[in-house]
């Protein structure tokens, strides 16, 4: 079982996090996540009258961008970065 799925580990994390925050009241704690947004086009079908052949221009392929975000739940402060990739370089820019 992955430690993130273990209820005891989750409770221990919560307990330790509160202790760390209490010991460092001037430090900010942020929770981070990254997400991918994009399009993945594919050819579709349509209904037309019998005997009519149509052409529909479609841009095929994929286009993506990534969003790095972090939030401080205590004061609502948030930080976000739009990036073309998820990699070490982009993470270093974000942090």
PDB file of N, CA and C in Angstrom:
ATOM      1  N   UNK A   1       0.838  -1.177   0.000  1.00  0.00           N
ATOM      2  CA  UNK A   1       0.000   0.000   0.000  1.00  0.00           C
ATOM      3  C   UNK A   1       0.887   1.247   0.000  1.00  0.00           C
ATOM      4  N   UNK A   2       0.533   2.202  -0.836  1.00  0.00           N
ATOM      5  CA  UNK A   2       1.270   3.462  -0.893  1.00  0.00           C
ATOM      6  C   UNK A   2       1.028   4.234   0.398  1.00  0.00           C
ATOM      7  N   UNK A   3       2.075   4.897   0.898  1.00  0.00           N
ATOM      8  CA  UNK A   3       1.960   5.588   2.181  1.00  0.00           C
ATOM      9  C   UNK A   3       0.888   6.679   2.161  1.00  0.00           C
ATOM     10  N   UNK A   4       0.593   7.241   0.999  1.00  0.00           N
ATOM     11  CA  UNK A   4      -0.437   8.280   0.925  1.00  0.00           C
ATOM     12  C   UNK A   4      -1.839   7.707   1.098  1.00  0.00           C
ATOM     13  N   UNK A   5      -1.993   6.390   0.930  1.00  0.00           N
ATOM     14  CA  UNK A   5      -3.286   5.746   1.114  1.00  0.00           C
ATOM     15  C   UNK A   5      -3.456   5.215   2.529  1.00  0.00           C
ATOM     16  N   UNK A   6      -2.415   5.221   3.308  1.00  0.00           N
ATOM     17  CA  UNK A   6      -2.443   4.691   4.667  1.00  0.00           C
ATOM     18  C   UNK A   6      -3.000   5.748   5.617  1.00  0.00           C
ATOM     19  N   UNK A   7      -4.134   5.452   6.247  1.00  0.00           N
ATOM     20  CA  UNK A   7      -4.805   6.405   7.144  1.00  0.00           C
ATOM     21  C   UNK A   7      -3.915   6.803   8.319  1.00  0.00           C
ATOM     22  N   UNK A   8      -3.167   5.863   8.870  1.00  0.00           N
ATOM     23  CA  UNK A   8      -2.277   6.183   9.994  1.00  0.00           C
ATOM     24  C   UNK A   8      -1.190   7.169   9.558  1.00  0.00           C
ATOM     25  N   UNK A   9      -0.623   6.948   8.380  1.00  0.00           N
ATOM     26  CA  UNK A   9       0.400   7.865   7.867  1.00  0.00           C
ATOM     27  C   UNK A   9      -0.186   9.248   7.618  1.00  0.00           C
ATOM     28  N   UNK A  10      -1.411   9.302   7.139  1.00  0.00           N
ATOM     29  CA  UNK A  10      -2.067  10.590   6.907  1.00  0.00           C
ATOM     30  C   UNK A  10      -2.257  11.348   8.216  1.00  0.00           C
ATOM     31  N   UNK A  11      -2.711  10.645   9.238  1.00  0.00           N
ATOM     32  CA  UNK A  11      -2.922  11.291  10.539  1.00  0.00           C
ATOM     33  C   UNK A  11      -1.594  11.746  11.147  1.00  0.00           C
ATOM     34  N   UNK A  12      -0.557  10.929  10.994  1.00  0.00           N
ATOM     35  CA  UNK A  12       0.768  11.302  11.500  1.00  0.00           C
ATOM     36  C   UNK A  12       1.282  12.549  10.778  1.00  0.00           C
ATOM     37  N   UNK A  13       1.065  12.617   9.468  1.00  0.00           N
ATOM     38  CA  UNK A  13       1.462  13.796   8.698  1.00  0.00           C
ATOM     39  C   UNK A  13       0.745  15.040   9.216  1.00  0.00           C
ATOM     40  N   UNK A  14      -0.556  14.935   9.419  1.00  0.00           N
ATOM     41  CA  UNK A  14      -1.332  16.079   9.923  1.00  0.00           C
ATOM     42  C   UNK A  14      -0.816  16.531  11.287  1.00  0.00           C
ATOM     43  N   UNK A  15      -0.524  15.567  12.147  1.00  0.00           N
ATOM     44  CA  UNK A  15      -0.034  15.899  13.493  1.00  0.00           C
ATOM     45  C   UNK A  15       1.323  16.595  13.405  1.00  0.00           C
ATOM     46  N   UNK A  16       2.230  16.043  12.624  1.00  0.00           N
ATOM     47  CA  UNK A  16       3.565  16.632  12.485  1.00  0.00           C
ATOM     48  C   UNK A  16       3.514  17.994  11.806  1.00  0.00           C
ATOM     49  N   UNK A  17       2.633  18.157  10.839  1.00  0.00           N
ATOM     50  CA  UNK A  17       2.512  19.435  10.150  1.00  0.00           C
ATOM     51  C   UNK A  17       2.092  20.528  11.126  1.00  0.00           C
ATOM     52  N   UNK A  18       1.124  20.238  11.964  1.00  0.00           N
ATOM     53  CA  UNK A  18       0.679  21.226  12.954  1.00  0.00           C
ATOM     54  C   UNK A  18       1.805  21.605  13.909  1.00  0.00           C
ATOM     55  N   UNK A  19       2.596  20.638  14.326  1.00  0.00           N
ATOM     56  CA  UNK A  19       3.721  20.921  15.226  1.00  0.00           C
ATOM     57  C   UNK A  19       4.769  21.791  14.528  1.00  0.00           C
ATOM     58  N   UNK A  20       5.068  21.490  13.297  1.00  0.00           N
ATOM     59  CA  UNK A  20       6.049  22.277  12.539  1.00  0.00           C
ATOM     60  C   UNK A  20       5.557  23.706  12.358  1.00  0.00           C
ATOM     61  N   UNK A  21       4.290  23.862  12.020  1.00  0.00           N
ATOM     62  CA  UNK A  21       3.721  25.200  11.825  1.00  0.00           C
ATOM     63  C   UNK A  21       3.757  25.987  13.129  1.00  0.00           C
ATOM     64  N   UNK A  22       3.440  25.338  14.239  1.00  0.00           N
ATOM     65  CA  UNK A  22       3.454  26.024  15.542  1.00  0.00           C
ATOM     66  C   UNK A  22       4.867  26.463  15.929  1.00  0.00           C
ATOM     67  N   UNK A  23       5.878  25.666  15.586  1.00  0.00           N
ATOM     68  CA  UNK A  23       7.262  26.007  15.921  1.00  0.00           C
ATOM     69  C   UNK A  23       7.802  27.137  15.047  1.00  0.00           C
ATOM     70  N   UNK A  24       7.208  27.355  13.896  1.00  0.00           N
ATOM     71  CA  UNK A  24       7.673  28.361  12.932  1.00  0.00           C
ATOM     72  C   UNK A  24       6.519  29.272  12.509  1.00  0.00           C
ATOM     73  N   UNK A  25       6.001  30.082  13.430  1.00  0.00           N
ATOM     74  CA  UNK A  25       4.801  30.875  13.120  1.00  0.00           C
ATOM     75  C   UNK A  25       4.999  31.918  12.024  1.00  0.00           C
ATOM     76  N   UNK A  26       6.230  32.337  11.772  1.00  0.00           N
ATOM     77  CA  UNK A  26       6.474  33.353  10.744  1.00  0.00           C
ATOM     78  C   UNK A  26       6.678  32.746   9.352  1.00  0.00           C
ATOM     79  N   UNK A  27       6.762  31.432   9.288  1.00  0.00           N
ATOM     80  CA  UNK A  27       6.947  30.751   7.998  1.00  0.00           C
ATOM     81  C   UNK A  27       5.578  30.468   7.373  1.00  0.00           C
ATOM     82  N   UNK A  28       5.531  30.534   6.046  1.00  0.00           N
ATOM     83  CA  UNK A  28       4.297  30.225   5.335  1.00  0.00           C
ATOM     84  C   UNK A  28       4.350  28.791   4.803  1.00  0.00           C
ATOM     85  N   UNK A  29       3.215  28.112   4.840  1.00  0.00           N
ATOM     86  CA  UNK A  29       3.098  26.756   4.319  1.00  0.00           C
ATOM     87  C   UNK A  29       2.183  26.813   3.097  1.00  0.00           C
ATOM     88  N   UNK A  30       2.663  26.262   1.991  1.00  0.00           N
ATOM     89  CA  UNK A  30       1.882  26.223   0.763  1.00  0.00           C
ATOM     90  C   UNK A  30       1.663  24.774   0.351  1.00  0.00           C
ATOM     91  N   UNK A  31       0.504  24.505  -0.226  1.00  0.00           N
ATOM     92  CA  UNK A  31       0.214  23.206  -0.810  1.00  0.00           C
ATOM     93  C   UNK A  31       0.261  23.373  -2.327  1.00  0.00           C
ATOM     94  N   UNK A  32       0.969  22.463  -3.001  1.00  0.00           N
ATOM     95  CA  UNK A  32       1.298  22.604  -4.417  1.00  0.00           C
ATOM     96  C   UNK A  32       0.663  21.499  -5.251  1.00  0.00           C
ATOM     97  N   UNK A  33       0.333  21.840  -6.493  1.00  0.00           N
ATOM     98  CA  UNK A  33      -0.113  20.841  -7.461  1.00  0.00           C
ATOM     99  C   UNK A  33       0.157  21.373  -8.866  1.00  0.00           C
ATOM    100  N   UNK A  34       0.265  20.468  -9.814  1.00  0.00           N
ATOM    101  CA  UNK A  34       0.373  20.894 -11.205  1.00  0.00           C
ATOM    102  C   UNK A  34      -0.694  20.160 -12.007  1.00  0.00           C
ATOM    103  N   UNK A  35      -1.170  20.806 -13.062  1.00  0.00           N
ATOM    104  CA  UNK A  35      -2.234  20.239 -13.891  1.00  0.00           C
ATOM    105  C   UNK A  35      -1.917  20.473 -15.360  1.00  0.00           C
ATOM    106  N   UNK A  36      -2.401  19.559 -16.192  1.00  0.00           N
ATOM    107  CA  UNK A  36      -2.250  19.713 -17.641  1.00  0.00           C
ATOM    108  C   UNK A  36      -3.613  20.042 -18.233  1.00  0.00           C
ATOM    109  N   UNK A  37      -3.636  21.042 -19.098  1.00  0.00           N
ATOM    110  CA  UNK A  37      -4.843  21.413 -19.818  1.00  0.00           C
ATOM    111  C   UNK A  37      -4.507  21.387 -21.296  1.00  0.00           C
ATOM    112  N   UNK A  38      -5.438  20.961 -22.102  1.00  0.00           N
ATOM    113  CA  UNK A  38      -5.136  20.954 -23.516  1.00  0.00           C
ATOM    114  C   UNK A  38      -6.259  20.407 -24.361  1.00  0.00           C
ATOM    115  N   UNK A  39      -5.969  20.345 -25.639  1.00  0.00           N
ATOM    116  CA  UNK A  39      -6.930  19.825 -26.598  1.00  0.00           C
ATOM    117  C   UNK A  39      -6.330  18.618 -27.299  1.00  0.00           C
ATOM    118  N   UNK A  40      -7.177  17.711 -27.641  1.00  0.00           N
ATOM    119  CA  UNK A  40      -6.788  16.544 -28.431  1.00  0.00           C
ATOM    120  C   UNK A  40      -7.883  16.383 -29.473  1.00  0.00           C
ATOM    121  N   UNK A  41      -7.647  16.945 -30.626  1.00  0.00           N
ATOM    122  CA  UNK A  41      -8.677  16.916 -31.661  1.00  0.00           C
ATOM    123  C   UNK A  41      -8.672  15.573 -32.379  1.00  0.00           C
ATOM    124  N   UNK A  42      -9.828  15.199 -32.850  1.00  0.00           N
ATOM    125  CA  UNK A  42      -9.947  13.985 -33.644  1.00  0.00           C
ATOM    126  C   UNK A  42     -11.020  14.219 -34.705  1.00  0.00           C
ATOM    127  N   UNK A  43     -10.927  13.467 -35.764  1.00  0.00           N
ATOM    128  CA  UNK A  43     -11.895  13.607 -36.840  1.00  0.00           C
ATOM    129  C   UNK A  43     -13.229  13.032 -36.410  1.00  0.00           C
ATOM    130  N   UNK A  44     -14.276  13.756 -36.740  1.00  0.00           N
ATOM    131  CA  UNK A  44     -15.613  13.302 -36.378  1.00  0.00           C
ATOM    132  C   UNK A  44     -16.438  12.978 -37.612  1.00  0.00           C
ATOM    133  N   UNK A  45     -17.690  12.731 -37.388  1.00  0.00           N
ATOM    134  CA  UNK A  45     -18.616  12.390 -38.464  1.00  0.00           C
ATOM    135  C   UNK A  45     -19.783  13.363 -38.412  1.00  0.00           C
ATOM    136  N   UNK A  46     -20.449  13.518 -39.521  1.00  0.00           N
ATOM    137  CA  UNK A  46     -21.618  14.384 -39.568  1.00  0.00           C
ATOM    138  C   UNK A  46     -22.684  13.782 -40.468  1.00  0.00           C
ATOM    139  N   UNK A  47     -23.893  14.300 -40.340  1.00  0.00           N
ATOM    140  CA  UNK A  47     -25.004  13.845 -41.162  1.00  0.00           C
ATOM    141  C   UNK A  47     -25.198  14.840 -42.300  1.00  0.00           C
ATOM    142  N   UNK A  48     -25.275  14.334 -43.521  1.00  0.00           N
ATOM    143  CA  UNK A  48     -25.495  15.173 -44.694  1.00  0.00           C
ATOM    144  C   UNK A  48     -26.509  14.481 -45.594  1.00  0.00           C
ATOM    145  N   UNK A  49     -27.105  15.263 -46.464  1.00  0.00           N
ATOM    146  CA  UNK A  49     -28.061  14.686 -47.411  1.00  0.00           C
ATOM    147  C   UNK A  49     -27.349  13.671 -48.302  1.00  0.00           C
ATOM    148  N   UNK A  50     -28.077  12.659 -48.670  1.00  0.00           N
ATOM    149  CA  UNK A  50     -27.526  11.600 -49.505  1.00  0.00           C
ATOM    150  C   UNK A  50     -27.022  12.187 -50.815  1.00  0.00           C
ATOM    151  N   UNK A  51     -25.811  11.806 -51.189  1.00  0.00           N
ATOM    152  CA  UNK A  51     -25.222  12.267 -52.431  1.00  0.00           C
ATOM    153  C   UNK A  51     -24.390  13.531 -52.292  1.00  0.00           C
ATOM    154  N   UNK A  52     -24.403  14.158 -51.122  1.00  0.00           N
ATOM    155  CA  UNK A  52     -23.621  15.378 -50.907  1.00  0.00           C
ATOM    156  C   UNK A  52     -22.339  15.008 -50.179  1.00  0.00           C
ATOM    157  N   UNK A  53     -21.225  15.445 -50.733  1.00  0.00           N
ATOM    158  CA  UNK A  53     -19.936  15.204 -50.089  1.00  0.00           C
ATOM    159  C   UNK A  53     -19.405  16.558 -49.621  1.00  0.00           C
ATOM    160  N   UNK A  54     -19.081  16.650 -48.365  1.00  0.00           N
ATOM    161  CA  UNK A  54     -18.619  17.930 -47.823  1.00  0.00           C
ATOM    162  C   UNK A  54     -17.177  17.818 -47.369  1.00  0.00           C
ATOM    163  N   UNK A  55     -16.547  18.963 -47.242  1.00  0.00           N
ATOM    164  CA  UNK A  55     -15.207  19.026 -46.683  1.00  0.00           C
ATOM    165  C   UNK A  55     -15.257  19.923 -45.458  1.00  0.00           C
ATOM    166  N   UNK A  56     -14.698  19.433 -44.387  1.00  0.00           N
ATOM    167  CA  UNK A  56     -14.624  20.210 -43.154  1.00  0.00           C
ATOM    168  C   UNK A  56     -13.160  20.279 -42.762  1.00  0.00           C
ATOM    169  N   UNK A  57     -12.635  21.495 -42.630  1.00  0.00           N
ATOM    170  CA  UNK A  57     -11.243  21.657 -42.226  1.00  0.00           C
ATOM    171  C   UNK A  57     -11.145  21.470 -40.716  1.00  0.00           C
ATOM    172  N   UNK A  58     -10.235  20.600 -40.322  1.00  0.00           N
ATOM    173  CA  UNK A  58     -10.044  20.304 -38.907  1.00  0.00           C
ATOM    174  C   UNK A  58      -8.557  20.370 -38.603  1.00  0.00           C
ATOM    175  N   UNK A  59      -8.212  21.059 -37.550  1.00  0.00           N
ATOM    176  CA  UNK A  59      -6.819  21.096 -37.104  1.00  0.00           C
ATOM    177  C   UNK A  59      -6.617  19.896 -36.183  1.00  0.00           C
ATOM    178  N   UNK A  60      -5.847  18.929 -36.640  1.00  0.00           N
ATOM    179  CA  UNK A  60      -5.629  17.737 -35.827  1.00  0.00           C
ATOM    180  C   UNK A  60      -4.350  17.871 -35.018  1.00  0.00           C
ATOM    181  N   UNK A  61      -4.287  17.145 -33.953  1.00  0.00           N
ATOM    182  CA  UNK A  61      -3.092  17.138 -33.116  1.00  0.00           C
ATOM    183  C   UNK A  61      -3.422  17.454 -31.670  1.00  0.00           C
ATOM    184  N   UNK A  62      -2.394  17.751 -30.930  1.00  0.00           N
ATOM    185  CA  UNK A  62      -2.536  18.055 -29.507  1.00  0.00           C
ATOM    186  C   UNK A  62      -1.871  19.384 -29.198  1.00  0.00           C
ATOM    187  N   UNK A  63      -2.486  20.130 -28.314  1.00  0.00           N
ATOM    188  CA  UNK A  63      -1.891  21.348 -27.785  1.00  0.00           C
ATOM    189  C   UNK A  63      -2.115  21.330 -26.280  1.00  0.00           C
ATOM    190  N   UNK A  64      -1.056  21.519 -25.529  1.00  0.00           N
ATOM    191  CA  UNK A  64      -1.147  21.455 -24.073  1.00  0.00           C
ATOM    192  C   UNK A  64      -0.459  22.644 -23.432  1.00  0.00           C
ATOM    193  N   UNK A  65      -0.873  22.939 -22.224  1.00  0.00           N
ATOM    194  CA  UNK A  65      -0.109  23.821 -21.355  1.00  0.00           C
ATOM    195  C   UNK A  65      -0.282  23.297 -19.943  1.00  0.00           C
ATOM    196  N   UNK A  66       0.606  23.691 -19.089  1.00  0.00           N
ATOM    197  CA  UNK A  66       0.605  23.203 -17.717  1.00  0.00           C
ATOM    198  C   UNK A  66       0.456  24.377 -16.764  1.00  0.00           C
ATOM    199  N   UNK A  67      -0.203  24.124 -15.663  1.00  0.00           N
ATOM    200  CA  UNK A  67      -0.416  25.143 -14.648  1.00  0.00           C
ATOM    201  C   UNK A  67       0.166  24.635 -13.333  1.00  0.00           C
ATOM    202  N   UNK A  68       1.145  25.358 -12.826  1.00  0.00           N
ATOM    203  CA  UNK A  68       1.708  25.081 -11.506  1.00  0.00           C
ATOM    204  C   UNK A  68       1.006  26.036 -10.544  1.00  0.00           C
ATOM    205  N   UNK A  69       0.475  25.537  -9.443  1.00  0.00           N
ATOM    206  CA  UNK A  69      -0.207  26.402  -8.476  1.00  0.00           C
ATOM    207  C   UNK A  69       0.116  25.966  -7.060  1.00  0.00           C
ATOM    208  N   UNK A  70       0.128  26.947  -6.176  1.00  0.00           N
ATOM    209  CA  UNK A  70       0.315  26.685  -4.748  1.00  0.00           C
ATOM    210  C   UNK A  70      -0.580  27.645  -3.983  1.00  0.00           C
ATOM    211  N   UNK A  71      -1.072  27.192  -2.835  1.00  0.00           N
ATOM    212  CA  UNK A  71      -1.942  28.026  -2.012  1.00  0.00           C
ATOM    213  C   UNK A  71      -1.575  27.878  -0.543  1.00  0.00           C
ATOM    214  N   UNK A  72      -1.674  28.977   0.169  1.00  0.00           N
ATOM    215  CA  UNK A  72      -1.501  28.984   1.617  1.00  0.00           C
ATOM    216  C   UNK A  72      -2.905  28.955   2.211  1.00  0.00           C
ATOM    217  N   UNK A  73      -3.318  27.831   2.820  1.00  0.00           N
ATOM    218  CA  UNK A  73      -4.687  27.732   3.327  1.00  0.00           C
ATOM    219  C   UNK A  73      -4.970  28.659   4.507  1.00  0.00           C
ATOM    220  N   UNK A  74      -3.919  29.122   5.155  1.00  0.00           N
ATOM    221  CA  UNK A  74      -4.109  29.981   6.325  1.00  0.00           C
ATOM    222  C   UNK A  74      -4.586  31.380   5.934  1.00  0.00           C
ATOM    223  N   UNK A  75      -4.001  31.947   4.870  1.00  0.00           N
ATOM    224  CA  UNK A  75      -4.372  33.314   4.495  1.00  0.00           C
ATOM    225  C   UNK A  75      -4.920  33.430   3.066  1.00  0.00           C
ATOM    226  N   UNK A  76      -4.997  32.320   2.335  1.00  0.00           N
ATOM    227  CA  UNK A  76      -5.552  32.334   0.986  1.00  0.00           C
ATOM    228  C   UNK A  76      -4.606  32.826  -0.093  1.00  0.00           C
ATOM    229  N   UNK A  77      -3.360  33.120   0.259  1.00  0.00           N
ATOM    230  CA  UNK A  77      -2.380  33.581  -0.730  1.00  0.00           C
ATOM    231  C   UNK A  77      -2.127  32.466  -1.738  1.00  0.00           C
ATOM    232  N   UNK A  78      -2.135  32.830  -3.019  1.00  0.00           N
ATOM    233  CA  UNK A  78      -1.927  31.818  -4.055  1.00  0.00           C
ATOM    234  C   UNK A  78      -0.915  32.297  -5.082  1.00  0.00           C
ATOM    235  N   UNK A  79      -0.244  31.337  -5.696  1.00  0.00           N
ATOM    236  CA  UNK A  79       0.771  31.598  -6.710  1.00  0.00           C
ATOM    237  C   UNK A  79       0.519  30.619  -7.852  1.00  0.00           C
ATOM    238  N   UNK A  80       0.585  31.104  -9.093  1.00  0.00           N
ATOM    239  CA  UNK A  80       0.398  30.228 -10.250  1.00  0.00           C
ATOM    240  C   UNK A  80       1.381  30.590 -11.352  1.00  0.00           C
ATOM    241  N   UNK A  81       1.717  29.597 -12.157  1.00  0.00           N
ATOM    242  CA  UNK A  81       2.603  29.786 -13.301  1.00  0.00           C
ATOM    243  C   UNK A  81       2.090  28.930 -14.451  1.00  0.00           C
ATOM    244  N   UNK A  82       1.876  29.543 -15.616  1.00  0.00           N
ATOM    245  CA  UNK A  82       1.567  28.800 -16.828  1.00  0.00           C
ATOM    246  C   UNK A  82       2.891  28.433 -17.482  1.00  0.00           C
ATOM    247  N   UNK A  83       3.024  27.165 -17.879  1.00  0.00           N
ATOM    248  CA  UNK A  83       4.291  26.711 -18.451  1.00  0.00           C
ATOM    249  C   UNK A  83       4.023  25.746 -19.610  1.00  0.00           C
ATOM    250  N   UNK A  84       4.977  25.641 -20.530  1.00  0.00           N
ATOM    251  CA  UNK A  84       4.789  24.738 -21.668  1.00  0.00           C
ATOM    252  C   UNK A  84       5.079  23.271 -21.342  1.00  0.00           C
ATOM    253  N   UNK A  85       5.780  23.010 -20.238  1.00  0.00           N
ATOM    254  CA  UNK A  85       6.184  21.646 -19.886  1.00  0.00           C
ATOM    255  C   UNK A  85       6.115  21.440 -18.378  1.00  0.00           C
ATOM    256  N   UNK A  86       6.171  20.168 -17.987  1.00  0.00           N
ATOM    257  CA  UNK A  86       6.414  19.817 -16.589  1.00  0.00           C
ATOM    258  C   UNK A  86       7.808  19.220 -16.572  1.00  0.00           C
ATOM    259  N   UNK A  87       8.753  19.969 -16.044  1.00  0.00           N
ATOM    260  CA  UNK A  87      10.123  19.478 -15.946  1.00  0.00           C
ATOM    261  C   UNK A  87      10.859  20.268 -14.861  1.00  0.00           C
ATOM    262  N   UNK A  88      12.092  19.919 -14.626  1.00  0.00           N
ATOM    263  CA  UNK A  88      12.879  20.550 -13.562  1.00  0.00           C
ATOM    264  C   UNK A  88      13.064  22.039 -13.802  1.00  0.00           C
ATOM    265  N   UNK A  89      13.316  22.428 -15.040  1.00  0.00           N
ATOM    266  CA  UNK A  89      13.520  23.852 -15.335  1.00  0.00           C
ATOM    267  C   UNK A  89      12.284  24.681 -14.988  1.00  0.00           C
ATOM    268  N   UNK A  90      11.114  24.200 -15.401  1.00  0.00           N
ATOM    269  CA  UNK A  90       9.877  24.934 -15.093  1.00  0.00           C
ATOM    270  C   UNK A  90       9.611  24.943 -13.592  1.00  0.00           C
ATOM    271  N   UNK A  91       9.896  23.837 -12.926  1.00  0.00           N
ATOM    272  CA  UNK A  91       9.702  23.784 -11.473  1.00  0.00           C
ATOM    273  C   UNK A  91      10.623  24.771 -10.781  1.00  0.00           C
ATOM    274  N   UNK A  92      11.847  24.892 -11.242  1.00  0.00           N
ATOM    275  CA  UNK A  92      12.783  25.849 -10.644  1.00  0.00           C
ATOM    276  C   UNK A  92      12.330  27.284 -10.863  1.00  0.00           C
ATOM    277  N   UNK A  93      11.740  27.580 -12.008  1.00  0.00           N
ATOM    278  CA  UNK A  93      11.189  28.919 -12.240  1.00  0.00           C
ATOM    279  C   UNK A  93      10.058  29.184 -11.262  1.00  0.00           C
ATOM    280  N   UNK A  94       9.203  28.181 -11.062  1.00  0.00           N
ATOM    281  CA  UNK A  94       8.058  28.342 -10.161  1.00  0.00           C
ATOM    282  C   UNK A  94       8.493  28.561  -8.722  1.00  0.00           C
ATOM    283  N   UNK A  95       9.473  27.785  -8.284  1.00  0.00           N
ATOM    284  CA  UNK A  95       9.872  27.872  -6.876  1.00  0.00           C
ATOM    285  C   UNK A  95      10.816  29.024  -6.672  1.00  0.00           C
TER     286      UNK A  95
END
